[in-house]
Amino acid sequence: MPVYKNRETQRVEKVNGGEGFMIRDRLLSEEKIAEVGGKCTYISQITVEPASSLGIHKHEGECELYFVTSGKALYTENDVEYEVVPGDAMLCESGSTHGIKNASDTEPLTFVAVIMQDPE
């Protein structure tokens, strides 16, 4: 089936030590990702509620791509902060740290997150 509906959606608090809440919408289940194979291990649409954030965390043996689809954010990678807007993509490579904060107190931030294993 090429269209996936009724996906697993979860509201989570204080992700990676961040503040507030985010809503995680897994675009493909872990089972489907394993079935199709490849290096992608996670793909979700993330909604960060106003005045909320995902805390700084490190990736080892994998990289993570964020693609902003709506809202404004402050993205931090290796202690450097960047303002990001819809259309911006950020790639956190293995061994690096990153986190993201919704820059708005009234509007949600939405982005797609994809985690891929490092080449062997």
PDB file of N, CA and C in Angstrom:
ATOM      1  N   MET A   1       0.846  -1.186   0.000  1.00  0.00           N
ATOM      2  CA  MET A   1       0.000   0.000   0.000  1.00  0.00           C
ATOM      3  C   MET A   1       0.889   1.246   0.000  1.00  0.00           C
ATOM      4  N   PRO A   2       0.764   2.114  -0.985  1.00  0.00           N
ATOM      5  CA  PRO A   2       1.634   3.284  -1.071  1.00  0.00           C
ATOM      6  C   PRO A   2       1.226   4.455  -0.188  1.00  0.00           C
ATOM      7  N   VAL A   3       0.015   4.427   0.386  1.00  0.00           N
ATOM      8  CA  VAL A   3      -0.455   5.528   1.228  1.00  0.00           C
ATOM      9  C   VAL A   3      -0.601   5.015   2.657  1.00  0.00           C
ATOM     10  N   TYR A   4       0.017   5.715   3.617  1.00  0.00           N
ATOM     11  CA  TYR A   4      -0.009   5.287   5.016  1.00  0.00           C
ATOM     12  C   TYR A   4      -0.818   6.280   5.830  1.00  0.00           C
ATOM     13  N   LYS A   5      -1.936   5.795   6.379  1.00  0.00           N
ATOM     14  CA  LYS A   5      -2.818   6.631   7.194  1.00  0.00           C
ATOM     15  C   LYS A   5      -2.895   6.034   8.586  1.00  0.00           C
ATOM     16  N   ASN A   6      -3.505   6.773   9.497  1.00  0.00           N
ATOM     17  CA  ASN A   6      -3.664   6.297  10.876  1.00  0.00           C
ATOM     18  C   ASN A   6      -2.331   5.862  11.461  1.00  0.00           C
ATOM     19  N   ARG A   7      -1.349   6.739  11.301  1.00  0.00           N
ATOM     20  CA  ARG A   7      -0.004   6.446  11.787  1.00  0.00           C
ATOM     21  C   ARG A   7       0.063   6.598  13.300  1.00  0.00           C
ATOM     22  N   GLU A   8       1.157   6.136  13.873  1.00  0.00           N
ATOM     23  CA  GLU A   8       1.387   6.241  15.316  1.00  0.00           C
ATOM     24  C   GLU A   8       1.756   7.678  15.666  1.00  0.00           C
ATOM     25  N   THR A   9       0.897   8.339  16.442  1.00  0.00           N
ATOM     26  CA  THR A   9       1.142   9.707  16.888  1.00  0.00           C
ATOM     27  C   THR A   9       1.243   9.708  18.402  1.00  0.00           C
ATOM     28  N   GLN A  10       2.206  10.445  18.926  1.00  0.00           N
ATOM     29  CA  GLN A  10       2.471  10.432  20.363  1.00  0.00           C
ATOM     30  C   GLN A  10       2.860  11.832  20.833  1.00  0.00           C
ATOM     31  N   ARG A  11       2.264  12.295  21.940  1.00  0.00           N
ATOM     32  CA  ARG A  11       2.635  13.578  22.552  1.00  0.00           C
ATOM     33  C   ARG A  11       3.636  13.269  23.663  1.00  0.00           C
ATOM     34  N   VAL A  12       4.813  13.889  23.585  1.00  0.00           N
ATOM     35  CA  VAL A  12       5.918  13.564  24.487  1.00  0.00           C
ATOM     36  C   VAL A  12       6.398  14.840  25.168  1.00  0.00           C
ATOM     37  N   GLU A  13       6.743  14.740  26.454  1.00  0.00           N
ATOM     38  CA  GLU A  13       7.205  15.900  27.223  1.00  0.00           C
ATOM     39  C   GLU A  13       8.711  15.843  27.453  1.00  0.00           C
ATOM     40  N   LYS A  14       9.348  17.004  27.432  1.00  0.00           N
ATOM     41  CA  LYS A  14      10.767  17.191  27.780  1.00  0.00           C
ATOM     42  C   LYS A  14      11.695  16.218  27.045  1.00  0.00           C
ATOM     43  N   VAL A  15      11.604  16.209  25.723  1.00  0.00           N
ATOM     44  CA  VAL A  15      12.418  15.310  24.911  1.00  0.00           C
ATOM     45  C   VAL A  15      13.892  15.691  25.019  1.00  0.00           C
ATOM     46  N   ASN A  16      14.724  14.720  25.319  1.00  0.00           N
ATOM     47  CA  ASN A  16      16.174  14.925  25.475  1.00  0.00           C
ATOM     48  C   ASN A  16      16.493  16.063  26.436  1.00  0.00           C
ATOM     49  N   GLY A  17      15.674  16.228  27.471  1.00  0.00           N
ATOM     50  CA  GLY A  17      15.917  17.268  28.465  1.00  0.00           C
ATOM     51  C   GLY A  17      15.428  18.638  28.053  1.00  0.00           C
ATOM     52  N   GLY A  18      14.704  18.724  26.935  1.00  0.00           N
ATOM     53  CA  GLY A  18      14.162  20.004  26.481  1.00  0.00           C
ATOM     54  C   GLY A  18      12.979  20.434  27.332  1.00  0.00           C
ATOM     55  N   GLU A  19      12.333  21.508  26.927  1.00  0.00           N
ATOM     56  CA  GLU A  19      11.195  22.066  27.654  1.00  0.00           C
ATOM     57  C   GLU A  19       9.903  21.829  26.887  1.00  0.00           C
ATOM     58  N   GLY A  20       8.812  21.651  27.617  1.00  0.00           N
ATOM     59  CA  GLY A  20       7.495  21.573  27.009  1.00  0.00           C
ATOM     60  C   GLY A  20       7.242  20.266  26.282  1.00  0.00           C
ATOM     61  N   PHE A  21       6.390  20.361  25.255  1.00  0.00           N
ATOM     62  CA  PHE A  21       5.895  19.170  24.565  1.00  0.00           C
ATOM     63  C   PHE A  21       6.174  19.200  23.071  1.00  0.00           C
ATOM     64  N   MET A  22       6.241  17.991  22.489  1.00  0.00           N
ATOM     65  CA  MET A  22       6.258  17.825  21.047  1.00  0.00           C
ATOM     66  C   MET A  22       5.298  16.700  20.705  1.00  0.00           C
ATOM     67  N   ILE A  23       4.837  16.709  19.459  1.00  0.00           N
ATOM     68  CA  ILE A  23       3.994  15.634  18.953  1.00  0.00           C
ATOM     69  C   ILE A  23       4.775  14.934  17.856  1.00  0.00           C
ATOM     70  N   ARG A  24       4.953  13.621  18.021  1.00  0.00           N
ATOM     71  CA  ARG A  24       5.722  12.810  17.072  1.00  0.00           C
ATOM     72  C   ARG A  24       4.742  11.997  16.233  1.00  0.00           C
ATOM     73  N   ASP A  25       4.808  12.164  14.920  1.00  0.00           N
ATOM     74  CA  ASP A  25       3.957  11.434  13.982  1.00  0.00           C
ATOM     75  C   ASP A  25       4.881  10.595  13.112  1.00  0.00           C
ATOM     76  N   ARG A  26       4.994   9.311  13.439  1.00  0.00           N
ATOM     77  CA  ARG A  26       5.880   8.430  12.669  1.00  0.00           C
ATOM     78  C   ARG A  26       5.300   8.231  11.279  1.00  0.00           C
ATOM     79  N   LEU A  27       6.002   8.720  10.269  1.00  0.00           N
ATOM     80  CA  LEU A  27       5.513   8.630   8.900  1.00  0.00           C
ATOM     81  C   LEU A  27       5.543   7.198   8.395  1.00  0.00           C
ATOM     82  N   LEU A  28       6.528   6.430   8.830  1.00  0.00           N
ATOM     83  CA  LEU A  28       6.589   4.990   8.575  1.00  0.00           C
ATOM     84  C   LEU A  28       6.906   4.297   9.891  1.00  0.00           C
ATOM     85  N   SER A  29       6.258   3.175  10.140  1.00  0.00           N
ATOM     86  CA  SER A  29       6.502   2.419  11.371  1.00  0.00           C
ATOM     87  C   SER A  29       7.898   1.804  11.336  1.00  0.00           C
ATOM     88  N   GLU A  30       8.406   1.439  12.510  1.00  0.00           N
ATOM     89  CA  GLU A  30       9.705   0.766  12.579  1.00  0.00           C
ATOM     90  C   GLU A  30       9.677  -0.517  11.761  1.00  0.00           C
ATOM     91  N   GLU A  31       8.538  -1.214  11.784  1.00  0.00           N
ATOM     92  CA  GLU A  31       8.404  -2.465  11.037  1.00  0.00           C
ATOM     93  C   GLU A  31       8.513  -2.224   9.529  1.00  0.00           C
ATOM     94  N   LYS A  32       7.848  -1.161   9.041  1.00  0.00           N
ATOM     95  CA  LYS A  32       7.889  -0.861   7.606  1.00  0.00           C
ATOM     96  C   LYS A  32       9.290  -0.434   7.188  1.00  0.00           C
ATOM     97  N   ILE A  33       9.953   0.355   8.017  1.00  0.00           N
ATOM     98  CA  ILE A  33      11.328   0.766   7.711  1.00  0.00           C
ATOM     99  C   ILE A  33      12.229  -0.460   7.613  1.00  0.00           C
ATOM    100  N   ALA A  34      12.094  -1.404   8.550  1.00  0.00           N
ATOM    101  CA  ALA A  34      12.904  -2.625   8.526  1.00  0.00           C
ATOM    102  C   ALA A  34      12.585  -3.459   7.284  1.00  0.00           C
ATOM    103  N   GLU A  35      11.319  -3.484   6.912  1.00  0.00           N
ATOM    104  CA  GLU A  35      10.886  -4.265   5.751  1.00  0.00           C
ATOM    105  C   GLU A  35      11.505  -3.753   4.454  1.00  0.00           C
ATOM    106  N   VAL A  36      11.574  -2.435   4.285  1.00  0.00           N
ATOM    107  CA  VAL A  36      12.128  -1.881   3.050  1.00  0.00           C
ATOM    108  C   VAL A  36      13.650  -1.817   3.071  1.00  0.00           C
ATOM    109  N   GLY A  37      14.244  -2.004   4.255  1.00  0.00           N
ATOM    110  CA  GLY A  37      15.697  -2.037   4.365  1.00  0.00           C
ATOM    111  C   GLY A  37      16.333  -0.679   4.182  1.00  0.00           C
ATOM    112  N   GLY A  38      17.622  -0.675   3.939  1.00  0.00           N
ATOM    113  CA  GLY A  38      18.328   0.585   3.746  1.00  0.00           C
ATOM    114  C   GLY A  38      18.891   1.128   5.040  1.00  0.00           C
ATOM    115  N   LYS A  39      19.400   2.335   4.966  1.00  0.00           N
ATOM    116  CA  LYS A  39      20.092   2.947   6.099  1.00  0.00           C
ATOM    117  C   LYS A  39      19.199   3.837   6.949  1.00  0.00           C
ATOM    118  N   CYS A  40      17.994   4.133   6.482  1.00  0.00           N
ATOM    119  CA  CYS A  40      17.075   4.977   7.248  1.00  0.00           C
ATOM    120  C   CYS A  40      16.494   4.165   8.407  1.00  0.00           C
ATOM    121  N   THR A  41      16.579   4.699   9.621  1.00  0.00           N
ATOM    122  CA  THR A  41      16.049   3.984  10.787  1.00  0.00           C
ATOM    123  C   THR A  41      14.871   4.696  11.430  1.00  0.00           C
ATOM    124  N   TYR A  42      14.598   5.944  11.021  1.00  0.00           N
ATOM    125  CA  TYR A  42      13.540   6.728  11.662  1.00  0.00           C
ATOM    126  C   TYR A  42      13.118   7.841  10.728  1.00  0.00           C
ATOM    127  N   ILE A  43      11.804   8.025  10.571  1.00  0.00           N
ATOM    128  CA  ILE A  43      11.297   9.165   9.813  1.00  0.00           C
ATOM    129  C   ILE A  43       9.973   9.581  10.438  1.00  0.00           C
ATOM    130  N   SER A  44       9.927  10.832  10.883  1.00  0.00           N
ATOM    131  CA  SER A  44       8.738  11.348  11.564  1.00  0.00           C
ATOM    132  C   SER A  44       8.538  12.816  11.250  1.00  0.00           C
ATOM    133  N   GLN A  45       7.284  13.227  11.330  1.00  0.00           N
ATOM    134  CA  GLN A  45       6.978  14.655  11.342  1.00  0.00           C
ATOM    135  C   GLN A  45       6.877  15.052  12.807  1.00  0.00           C
ATOM    136  N   ILE A  46       7.585  16.087  13.190  1.00  0.00           N
ATOM    137  CA  ILE A  46       7.628  16.540  14.575  1.00  0.00           C
ATOM    138  C   ILE A  46       6.955  17.901  14.666  1.00  0.00           C
ATOM    139  N   THR A  47       6.066  18.060  15.636  1.00  0.00           N
ATOM    140  CA  THR A  47       5.466  19.355  15.930  1.00  0.00           C
ATOM    141  C   THR A  47       5.895  19.751  17.329  1.00  0.00           C
ATOM    142  N   VAL A  48       6.636  20.844  17.436  1.00  0.00           N
ATOM    143  CA  VAL A  48       7.100  21.346  18.727  1.00  0.00           C
ATOM    144  C   VAL A  48       6.143  22.458  19.134  1.00  0.00           C
ATOM    145  N   GLU A  49       5.509  22.287  20.272  1.00  0.00           N
ATOM    146  CA  GLU A  49       4.528  23.258  20.726  1.00  0.00           C
ATOM    147  C   GLU A  49       5.195  24.595  21.057  1.00  0.00           C
ATOM    148  N   PRO A  50       4.416  25.690  21.063  1.00  0.00           N
ATOM    149  CA  PRO A  50       4.990  27.005  21.373  1.00  0.00           C
ATOM    150  C   PRO A  50       5.797  26.990  22.673  1.00  0.00           C
ATOM    151  N   ALA A  51       6.913  27.722  22.673  1.00  0.00           N
ATOM    152  CA  ALA A  51       7.806  27.852  23.833  1.00  0.00           C
ATOM    153  C   ALA A  51       8.347  26.509  24.309  1.00  0.00           C
ATOM    154  N   SER A  52       8.468  25.532  23.399  1.00  0.00           N
ATOM    155  CA  SER A  52       8.983  24.205  23.745  1.00  0.00           C
ATOM    156  C   SER A  52      10.245  23.915  22.939  1.00  0.00           C
ATOM    157  N   SER A  53      10.980  22.873  23.355  1.00  0.00           N
ATOM    158  CA  SER A  53      12.233  22.549  22.677  1.00  0.00           C
ATOM    159  C   SER A  53      12.558  21.073  22.798  1.00  0.00           C
ATOM    160  N   LEU A  54      13.440  20.604  21.929  1.00  0.00           N
ATOM    161  CA  LEU A  54      14.070  19.298  22.042  1.00  0.00           C
ATOM    162  C   LEU A  54      15.481  19.582  22.522  1.00  0.00           C
ATOM    163  N   GLY A  55      15.879  18.964  23.617  1.00  0.00           N
ATOM    164  CA  GLY A  55      17.175  19.250  24.216  1.00  0.00           C
ATOM    165  C   GLY A  55      18.352  18.815  23.360  1.00  0.00           C
ATOM    166  N   ILE A  56      19.499  19.355  23.695  1.00  0.00           N
ATOM    167  CA  ILE A  56      20.751  19.014  23.014  1.00  0.00           C
ATOM    168  C   ILE A  56      21.049  17.535  23.252  1.00  0.00           C
ATOM    169  N   HIS A  57      21.355  16.820  22.173  1.00  0.00           N
ATOM    170  CA  HIS A  57      21.693  15.400  22.275  1.00  0.00           C
ATOM    171  C   HIS A  57      22.724  15.060  21.197  1.00  0.00           C
ATOM    172  N   LYS A  58      23.383  13.922  21.380  1.00  0.00           N
ATOM    173  CA  LYS A  58      24.487  13.524  20.503  1.00  0.00           C
ATOM    174  C   LYS A  58      24.091  12.305  19.677  1.00  0.00           C
ATOM    175  N   HIS A  59      24.585  12.268  18.452  1.00  0.00           N
ATOM    176  CA  HIS A  59      24.381  11.109  17.579  1.00  0.00           C
ATOM    177  C   HIS A  59      25.720  10.412  17.365  1.00  0.00           C
ATOM    178  N   GLU A  60      25.723   9.110  17.547  1.00  0.00           N
ATOM    179  CA  GLU A  60      26.912   8.284  17.304  1.00  0.00           C
ATOM    180  C   GLU A  60      26.523   7.167  16.341  1.00  0.00           C
ATOM    181  N   GLY A  61      27.269   7.007  15.274  1.00  0.00           N
ATOM    182  CA  GLY A  61      26.995   5.941  14.315  1.00  0.00           C
ATOM    183  C   GLY A  61      25.798   6.211  13.422  1.00  0.00           C
ATOM    184  N   GLU A  62      25.295   7.450  13.476  1.00  0.00           N
ATOM    185  CA  GLU A  62      24.147   7.825  12.658  1.00  0.00           C
ATOM    186  C   GLU A  62      24.142   9.337  12.477  1.00  0.00           C
ATOM    187  N   CYS A  63      23.393   9.801  11.506  1.00  0.00           N
ATOM    188  CA  CYS A  63      23.202  11.236  11.321  1.00  0.00           C
ATOM    189  C   CYS A  63      21.702  11.515  11.318  1.00  0.00           C
ATOM    190  N   GLU A  64      21.340  12.769  11.593  1.00  0.00           N
ATOM    191  CA  GLU A  64      19.924  13.129  11.617  1.00  0.00           C
ATOM    192  C   GLU A  64      19.703  14.391  10.795  1.00  0.00           C
ATOM    193  N   LEU A  65      18.713  14.329   9.925  1.00  0.00           N
ATOM    194  CA  LEU A  65      18.316  15.447   9.082  1.00  0.00           C
ATOM    195  C   LEU A  65      17.018  16.032   9.617  1.00  0.00           C
ATOM    196  N   TYR A  66      16.971  17.356   9.767  1.00  0.00           N
ATOM    197  CA  TYR A  66      15.734  18.075  10.063  1.00  0.00           C
ATOM    198  C   TYR A  66      15.399  18.918   8.833  1.00  0.00           C
ATOM    199  N   PHE A  67      14.114  18.939   8.445  1.00  0.00           N
ATOM    200  CA  PHE A  67      13.637  19.799   7.367  1.00  0.00           C
ATOM    201  C   PHE A  67      12.428  20.562   7.888  1.00  0.00           C
ATOM    202  N   VAL A  68      12.570  21.878   8.043  1.00  0.00           N
ATOM    203  CA  VAL A  68      11.516  22.711   8.627  1.00  0.00           C
ATOM    204  C   VAL A  68      10.411  22.947   7.595  1.00  0.00           C
ATOM    205  N   THR A  69       9.152  22.671   8.007  1.00  0.00           N
ATOM    206  CA  THR A  69       8.013  22.868   7.108  1.00  0.00           C
ATOM    207  C   THR A  69       7.132  24.038   7.533  1.00  0.00           C
ATOM    208  N   SER A  70       7.140  24.401   8.825  1.00  0.00           N
ATOM    209  CA  SER A  70       6.394  25.585   9.270  1.00  0.00           C
ATOM    210  C   SER A  70       6.942  26.075  10.602  1.00  0.00           C
ATOM    211  N   GLY A  71       6.803  27.376  10.830  1.00  0.00           N
ATOM    212  CA  GLY A  71       7.272  27.978  12.074  1.00  0.00           C
ATOM    213  C   GLY A  71       8.697  28.494  11.967  1.00  0.00           C
ATOM    214  N   LYS A  72       9.173  29.037  13.079  1.00  0.00           N
ATOM    215  CA  LYS A  72      10.547  29.549  13.180  1.00  0.00           C
ATOM    216  C   LYS A  72      11.206  28.884  14.373  1.00  0.00           C
ATOM    217  N   ALA A  73      12.515  28.650  14.259  1.00  0.00           N
ATOM    218  CA  ALA A  73      13.210  27.936  15.327  1.00  0.00           C
ATOM    219  C   ALA A  73      14.620  28.457  15.519  1.00  0.00           C
ATOM    220  N   LEU A  74      15.165  28.116  16.667  1.00  0.00           N
ATOM    221  CA  LEU A  74      16.585  28.279  16.949  1.00  0.00           C
ATOM    222  C   LEU A  74      17.156  26.867  16.991  1.00  0.00           C
ATOM    223  N   TYR A  75      18.046  26.575  16.047  1.00  0.00           N
ATOM    224  CA  TYR A  75      18.678  25.267  15.935  1.00  0.00           C
ATOM    225  C   TYR A  75      20.106  25.399  16.438  1.00  0.00           C
ATOM    226  N   THR A  76      20.510  24.511  17.330  1.00  0.00           N
ATOM    227  CA  THR A  76      21.868  24.534  17.873  1.00  0.00           C
ATOM    228  C   THR A  76      22.592  23.264  17.457  1.00  0.00           C
ATOM    229  N   GLU A  77      23.780  23.433  16.882  1.00  0.00           N
ATOM    230  CA  GLU A  77      24.627  22.289  16.559  1.00  0.00           C
ATOM    231  C   GLU A  77      26.039  22.595  17.024  1.00  0.00           C
ATOM    232  N   ASN A  78      26.580  21.690  17.844  1.00  0.00           N
ATOM    233  CA  ASN A  78      27.931  21.852  18.390  1.00  0.00           C
ATOM    234  C   ASN A  78      28.128  23.249  18.976  1.00  0.00           C
ATOM    235  N   ASP A  79      27.162  23.678  19.786  1.00  0.00           N
ATOM    236  CA  ASP A  79      27.195  24.948  20.525  1.00  0.00           C
ATOM    237  C   ASP A  79      27.077  26.203  19.656  1.00  0.00           C
ATOM    238  N   VAL A  80      26.744  26.060  18.375  1.00  0.00           N
ATOM    239  CA  VAL A  80      26.520  27.211  17.503  1.00  0.00           C
ATOM    240  C   VAL A  80      25.022  27.281  17.200  1.00  0.00           C
ATOM    241  N   GLU A  81      24.426  28.475  17.389  1.00  0.00           N
ATOM    242  CA  GLU A  81      22.983  28.637  17.214  1.00  0.00           C
ATOM    243  C   GLU A  81      22.662  29.290  15.869  1.00  0.00           C
ATOM    244  N   TYR A  82      21.623  28.772  15.210  1.00  0.00           N
ATOM    245  CA  TYR A  82      21.183  29.269  13.907  1.00  0.00           C
ATOM    246  C   TYR A  82      19.681  29.537  13.956  1.00  0.00           C
ATOM    247  N   GLU A  83      19.230  30.612  13.312  1.00  0.00           N
ATOM    248  CA  GLU A  83      17.803  30.843  13.121  1.00  0.00           C
ATOM    249  C   GLU A  83      17.388  30.076  11.871  1.00  0.00           C
ATOM    250  N   VAL A  84      16.310  29.291  11.961  1.00  0.00           N
ATOM    251  CA  VAL A  84      15.859  28.503  10.815  1.00  0.00           C
ATOM    252  C   VAL A  84      14.375  28.753  10.561  1.00  0.00           C
ATOM    253  N   VAL A  85      13.988  28.640   9.286  1.00  0.00           N
ATOM    254  CA  VAL A  85      12.621  28.914   8.834  1.00  0.00           C
ATOM    255  C   VAL A  85      12.203  27.819   7.844  1.00  0.00           C
ATOM    256  N   PRO A  86      10.921  27.797   7.445  1.00  0.00           N
ATOM    257  CA  PRO A  86      10.475  26.782   6.487  1.00  0.00           C
ATOM    258  C   PRO A  86      11.346  26.740   5.234  1.00  0.00           C
ATOM    259  N   GLY A  87      11.681  25.515   4.830  1.00  0.00           N
ATOM    260  CA  GLY A  87      12.551  25.299   3.678  1.00  0.00           C
ATOM    261  C   GLY A  87      13.990  25.039   4.054  1.00  0.00           C
ATOM    262  N   ASP A  88      14.380  25.349   5.298  1.00  0.00           N
ATOM    263  CA  ASP A  88      15.752  25.093   5.744  1.00  0.00           C
ATOM    264  C   ASP A  88      15.920  23.620   6.130  1.00  0.00           C
ATOM    265  N   ALA A  89      17.073  23.066   5.786  1.00  0.00           N
ATOM    266  CA  ALA A  89      17.425  21.693   6.153  1.00  0.00           C
ATOM    267  C   ALA A  89      18.724  21.727   6.940  1.00  0.00           C
ATOM    268  N   MET A  90      18.790  20.925   8.000  1.00  0.00           N
ATOM    269  CA  MET A  90      19.982  20.854   8.834  1.00  0.00           C
ATOM    270  C   MET A  90      20.379  19.389   8.982  1.00  0.00           C
ATOM    271  N   LEU A  91      21.659  19.077   8.795  1.00  0.00           N
ATOM    272  CA  LEU A  91      22.153  17.714   8.918  1.00  0.00           C
ATOM    273  C   LEU A  91      23.147  17.645  10.067  1.00  0.00           C
ATOM    274  N   CYS A  92      22.806  16.875  11.095  1.00  0.00           N
ATOM    275  CA  CYS A  92      23.699  16.644  12.236  1.00  0.00           C
ATOM    276  C   CYS A  92      24.430  15.331  11.984  1.00  0.00           C
ATOM    277  N   GLU A  93      25.732  15.415  11.791  1.00  0.00           N
ATOM    278  CA  GLU A  93      26.519  14.227  11.473  1.00  0.00           C
ATOM    279  C   GLU A  93      26.925  13.474  12.729  1.00  0.00           C
ATOM    280  N   SER A  94      27.326  12.228  12.558  1.00  0.00           N
ATOM    281  CA  SER A  94      27.749  11.375  13.666  1.00  0.00           C
ATOM    282  C   SER A  94      28.842  12.061  14.483  1.00  0.00           C
ATOM    283  N   GLY A  95      28.706  12.000  15.797  1.00  0.00           N
ATOM    284  CA  GLY A  95      29.665  12.616  16.699  1.00  0.00           C
ATOM    285  C   GLY A  95      29.318  14.037  17.075  1.00  0.00           C
ATOM    286  N   SER A  96      28.321  14.611  16.415  1.00  0.00           N
ATOM    287  CA  SER A  96      27.908  15.988  16.694  1.00  0.00           C
ATOM    288  C   SER A  96      26.722  16.013  17.655  1.00  0.00           C
ATOM    289  N   THR A  97      26.507  17.195  18.252  1.00  0.00           N
ATOM    290  CA  THR A  97      25.351  17.399  19.123  1.00  0.00           C
ATOM    291  C   THR A  97      24.422  18.414  18.469  1.00  0.00           C
ATOM    292  N   HIS A  98      23.124  18.271  18.764  1.00  0.00           N
ATOM    293  CA  HIS A  98      22.172  19.255  18.256  1.00  0.00           C
ATOM    294  C   HIS A  98      20.896  19.258  19.084  1.00  0.00           C
ATOM    295  N   GLY A  99      20.127  20.330  18.925  1.00  0.00           N
ATOM    296  CA  GLY A  99      18.822  20.487  19.549  1.00  0.00           C
ATOM    297  C   GLY A  99      18.094  21.594  18.819  1.00  0.00           C
ATOM    298  N   ILE A 100      16.794  21.721  19.081  1.00  0.00           N
ATOM    299  CA  ILE A 100      16.004  22.736  18.388  1.00  0.00           C
ATOM    300  C   ILE A 100      14.947  23.285  19.329  1.00  0.00           C
ATOM    301  N   LYS A 101      14.723  24.599  19.233  1.00  0.00           N
ATOM    302  CA  LYS A 101      13.758  25.280  20.094  1.00  0.00           C
ATOM    303  C   LYS A 101      12.783  26.063  19.231  1.00  0.00           C
ATOM    304  N   ASN A 102      11.499  25.919  19.531  1.00  0.00           N
ATOM    305  CA  ASN A 102      10.495  26.727  18.856  1.00  0.00           C
ATOM    306  C   ASN A 102      10.716  28.175  19.274  1.00  0.00           C
ATOM    307  N   ALA A 103      10.899  29.065  18.308  1.00  0.00           N
ATOM    308  CA  ALA A 103      11.183  30.473  18.601  1.00  0.00           C
ATOM    309  C   ALA A 103       9.917  31.286  18.859  1.00  0.00           C
ATOM    310  N   SER A 104       8.751  30.645  18.777  1.00  0.00           N
ATOM    311  CA  SER A 104       7.482  31.350  18.966  1.00  0.00           C
ATOM    312  C   SER A 104       6.801  30.928  20.265  1.00  0.00           C
ATOM    313  N   ASP A 105       6.149  31.887  20.910  1.00  0.00           N
ATOM    314  CA  ASP A 105       5.342  31.594  22.095  1.00  0.00           C
ATOM    315  C   ASP A 105       3.888  31.328  21.730  1.00  0.00           C
ATOM    316  N   THR A 106       3.540  31.449  20.439  1.00  0.00           N
ATOM    317  CA  THR A 106       2.137  31.300  20.035  1.00  0.00           C
ATOM    318  C   THR A 106       1.900  30.300  18.904  1.00  0.00           C
ATOM    319  N   GLU A 107       2.899  30.050  18.056  1.00  0.00           N
ATOM    320  CA  GLU A 107       2.723  29.176  16.890  1.00  0.00           C
ATOM    321  C   GLU A 107       3.571  27.912  17.028  1.00  0.00           C
ATOM    322  N   PRO A 108       3.059  26.760  16.552  1.00  0.00           N
ATOM    323  CA  PRO A 108       3.865  25.540  16.581  1.00  0.00           C
ATOM    324  C   PRO A 108       4.985  25.575  15.536  1.00  0.00           C
ATOM    325  N   LEU A 109       5.997  24.763  15.761  1.00  0.00           N
ATOM    326  CA  LEU A 109       7.095  24.531  14.822  1.00  0.00           C
ATOM    327  C   LEU A 109       6.924  23.113  14.294  1.00  0.00           C
ATOM    328  N   THR A 110       6.982  22.936  12.978  1.00  0.00           N
ATOM    329  CA  THR A 110       6.854  21.598  12.405  1.00  0.00           C
ATOM    330  C   THR A 110       8.053  21.319  11.505  1.00  0.00           C
ATOM    331  N   PHE A 111       8.608  20.106  11.661  1.00  0.00           N
ATOM    332  CA  PHE A 111       9.711  19.694  10.795  1.00  0.00           C
ATOM    333  C   PHE A 111       9.683  18.186  10.626  1.00  0.00           C
ATOM    334  N   VAL A 112      10.338  17.716   9.583  1.00  0.00           N
ATOM    335  CA  VAL A 112      10.497  16.285   9.349  1.00  0.00           C
ATOM    336  C   VAL A 112      11.878  15.902   9.858  1.00  0.00           C
ATOM    337  N   ALA A 113      11.944  14.802  10.611  1.00  0.00           N
ATOM    338  CA  ALA A 113      13.215  14.286  11.131  1.00  0.00           C
ATOM    339  C   ALA A 113      13.479  12.910  10.519  1.00  0.00           C
ATOM    340  N   VAL A 114      14.695  12.732  10.000  1.00  0.00           N
ATOM    341  CA  VAL A 114      15.095  11.461   9.402  1.00  0.00           C
ATOM    342  C   VAL A 114      16.436  11.065  10.007  1.00  0.00           C
ATOM    343  N   ILE A 115      16.506   9.861  10.571  1.00  0.00           N
ATOM    344  CA  ILE A 115      17.771   9.341  11.107  1.00  0.00           C
ATOM    345  C   ILE A 115      18.271   8.245  10.173  1.00  0.00           C
ATOM    346  N   MET A 116      19.559   8.351   9.798  1.00  0.00           N
ATOM    347  CA  MET A 116      20.177   7.386   8.899  1.00  0.00           C
ATOM    348  C   MET A 116      21.457   6.852   9.527  1.00  0.00           C
ATOM    349  N   GLN A 117      21.680   5.561   9.382  1.00  0.00           N
ATOM    350  CA  GLN A 117      22.911   4.953   9.878  1.00  0.00           C
ATOM    351  C   GLN A 117      24.087   5.421   9.038  1.00  0.00           C
ATOM    352  N   ASP A 118      25.258   5.511   9.691  1.00  0.00           N
ATOM    353  CA  ASP A 118      26.478   5.823   8.956  1.00  0.00           C
ATOM    354  C   ASP A 118      26.806   4.673   8.013  1.00  0.00           C
ATOM    355  N   PRO A 119      27.456   4.957   6.882  1.00  0.00           N
ATOM    356  CA  PRO A 119      27.898   3.880   5.995  1.00  0.00           C
ATOM    357  C   PRO A 119      28.882   2.977   6.728  1.00  0.00           C
ATOM    358  N   GLU A 120      28.810   1.717   6.447  1.00  0.00           N
ATOM    359  CA  GLU A 120      29.713   0.755   7.120  1.00  0.00           C
ATOM    360  C   GLU A 120      30.991   0.577   6.354  1.00  0.00           C
TER     361      GLU A 120
END
